[in-house]
Amino acid sequence: MANSLQAVLDSQKTEEAPKSNRGRKRARSASETRRSRQDTRLIGGHFSPDIARQIRILAAEEEMTVQALLEEALSDLFVKKGKKAIV
């Protein structure tokens, strides 16, 4: 008689294993988009870990989100470059 544990393992090999969604993000449909992100566009960049850490620290110290801090910084940049402040 075969080992019962081995029999279970052998039967599981023959069954199709369900695919895991762990680590994968599901694309959101337009109706699922967050309201705060409606009518907005993503602006991004790749920066060193030191810059990323510093902006998170500054945002925490100012009790602001990183996004709000970046918005303020971009507005200041626009004024510096002779453009109208958006914020």
Protein backbone atom coordinates (compact mmCIF):
# COMPACT_ATOMS: atom_id res chain seq x y z
CA MET A 1 0.00 0.00 0.00
CA ALA A 2 1.34 3.43 -0.96
CA ASN A 3 2.06 6.10 1.60
CA SER A 4 -1.11 8.21 2.00
CA LEU A 5 0.88 11.46 2.05
CA GLN A 6 2.59 10.48 -1.19
CA ALA A 7 -0.79 9.64 -2.72
CA VAL A 8 -2.09 13.13 -1.88
CA LEU A 9 1.03 14.77 -3.30
CA ASP A 10 0.78 12.70 -6.48
CA SER A 11 -2.89 13.61 -6.93
CA GLN A 12 -2.10 17.31 -6.51
CA LYS A 13 0.52 17.11 -9.23
CA THR A 14 -2.08 15.97 -11.71
CA GLU A 15 -4.60 18.63 -10.75
CA GLU A 16 -4.14 22.07 -12.27
CA ALA A 17 -2.90 24.43 -9.59
CA PRO A 18 -4.76 27.75 -9.35
CA LYS A 19 -2.71 30.70 -10.50
CA SER A 20 -1.72 33.06 -7.74
CA ASN A 21 -2.42 36.78 -8.11
CA ARG A 22 -0.02 37.65 -5.30
CA GLY A 23 2.40 40.36 -6.38
CA ARG A 24 0.31 41.36 -9.37
CA LYS A 25 -1.82 44.44 -9.58
CA ARG A 26 -5.09 44.30 -11.43
CA ALA A 27 -5.65 47.12 -13.88
CA ARG A 28 -8.50 49.33 -12.78
CA SER A 29 -11.29 50.15 -15.13
CA ALA A 30 -12.15 53.80 -15.74
CA SER A 31 -15.11 53.50 -13.37
CA GLU A 32 -12.82 52.25 -10.59
CA THR A 33 -10.34 55.13 -10.81
CA ARG A 34 -10.06 57.05 -7.57
CA ARG A 35 -12.00 60.28 -7.60
CA SER A 36 -8.92 62.17 -6.39
CA ARG A 37 -7.12 61.02 -9.54
CA GLN A 38 -9.83 61.97 -12.02
CA ASP A 39 -8.77 64.67 -14.47
CA THR A 40 -5.12 64.34 -13.42
CA ARG A 41 -1.94 63.15 -15.15
CA LEU A 42 0.97 61.29 -13.62
CA ILE A 43 4.31 63.10 -13.65
CA GLY A 44 7.18 60.95 -12.48
CA GLY A 45 10.91 60.59 -12.35
CA HIS A 46 13.61 58.32 -11.04
CA PHE A 47 15.69 59.78 -8.22
CA SER A 48 18.34 58.55 -5.82
CA PRO A 49 17.24 56.93 -2.56
CA ASP A 50 18.64 59.96 -0.70
CA ILE A 51 16.30 62.33 -2.55
CA ALA A 52 13.33 60.01 -2.01
CA ARG A 53 14.09 59.75 1.70
CA GLN A 54 14.60 63.50 2.08
CA ILE A 55 11.29 64.37 0.42
CA ARG A 56 9.41 61.89 2.63
CA ILE A 57 11.10 63.35 5.73
CA LEU A 58 10.29 66.91 4.65
CA ALA A 59 6.68 65.96 3.91
CA ALA A 60 6.34 64.41 7.37
CA GLU A 61 7.92 67.43 9.05
CA GLU A 62 5.57 69.76 7.19
CA GLU A 63 2.59 67.44 7.84
CA MET A 64 1.95 67.26 4.09
CA THR A 65 1.75 64.49 1.58
CA VAL A 66 4.65 63.98 -0.79
CA GLN A 67 2.27 64.88 -3.62
CA ALA A 68 1.31 68.19 -1.99
CA LEU A 69 4.97 68.99 -1.38
CA LEU A 70 5.83 68.24 -5.02
CA GLU A 71 2.91 70.36 -6.16
CA GLU A 72 4.24 73.28 -4.12
CA ALA A 73 7.76 72.75 -5.47
CA LEU A 74 6.54 72.68 -9.07
CA SER A 75 4.53 75.84 -8.54
CA ASP A 76 7.65 77.56 -7.17
CA LEU A 77 9.60 76.30 -10.19
CA PHE A 78 7.02 77.74 -12.59
CA VAL A 79 7.30 81.17 -10.93
CA LYS A 80 11.10 80.97 -10.96
CA LYS A 81 11.00 80.25 -14.70
CA GLY A 82 8.63 83.14 -15.38
CA LYS A 83 5.44 81.11 -15.68
CA LYS A 84 2.17 81.55 -13.85
CA ALA A 85 1.88 79.60 -10.57
CA ILE A 86 -0.69 76.86 -10.98
CA VAL A 87 -1.33 76.12 -7.30
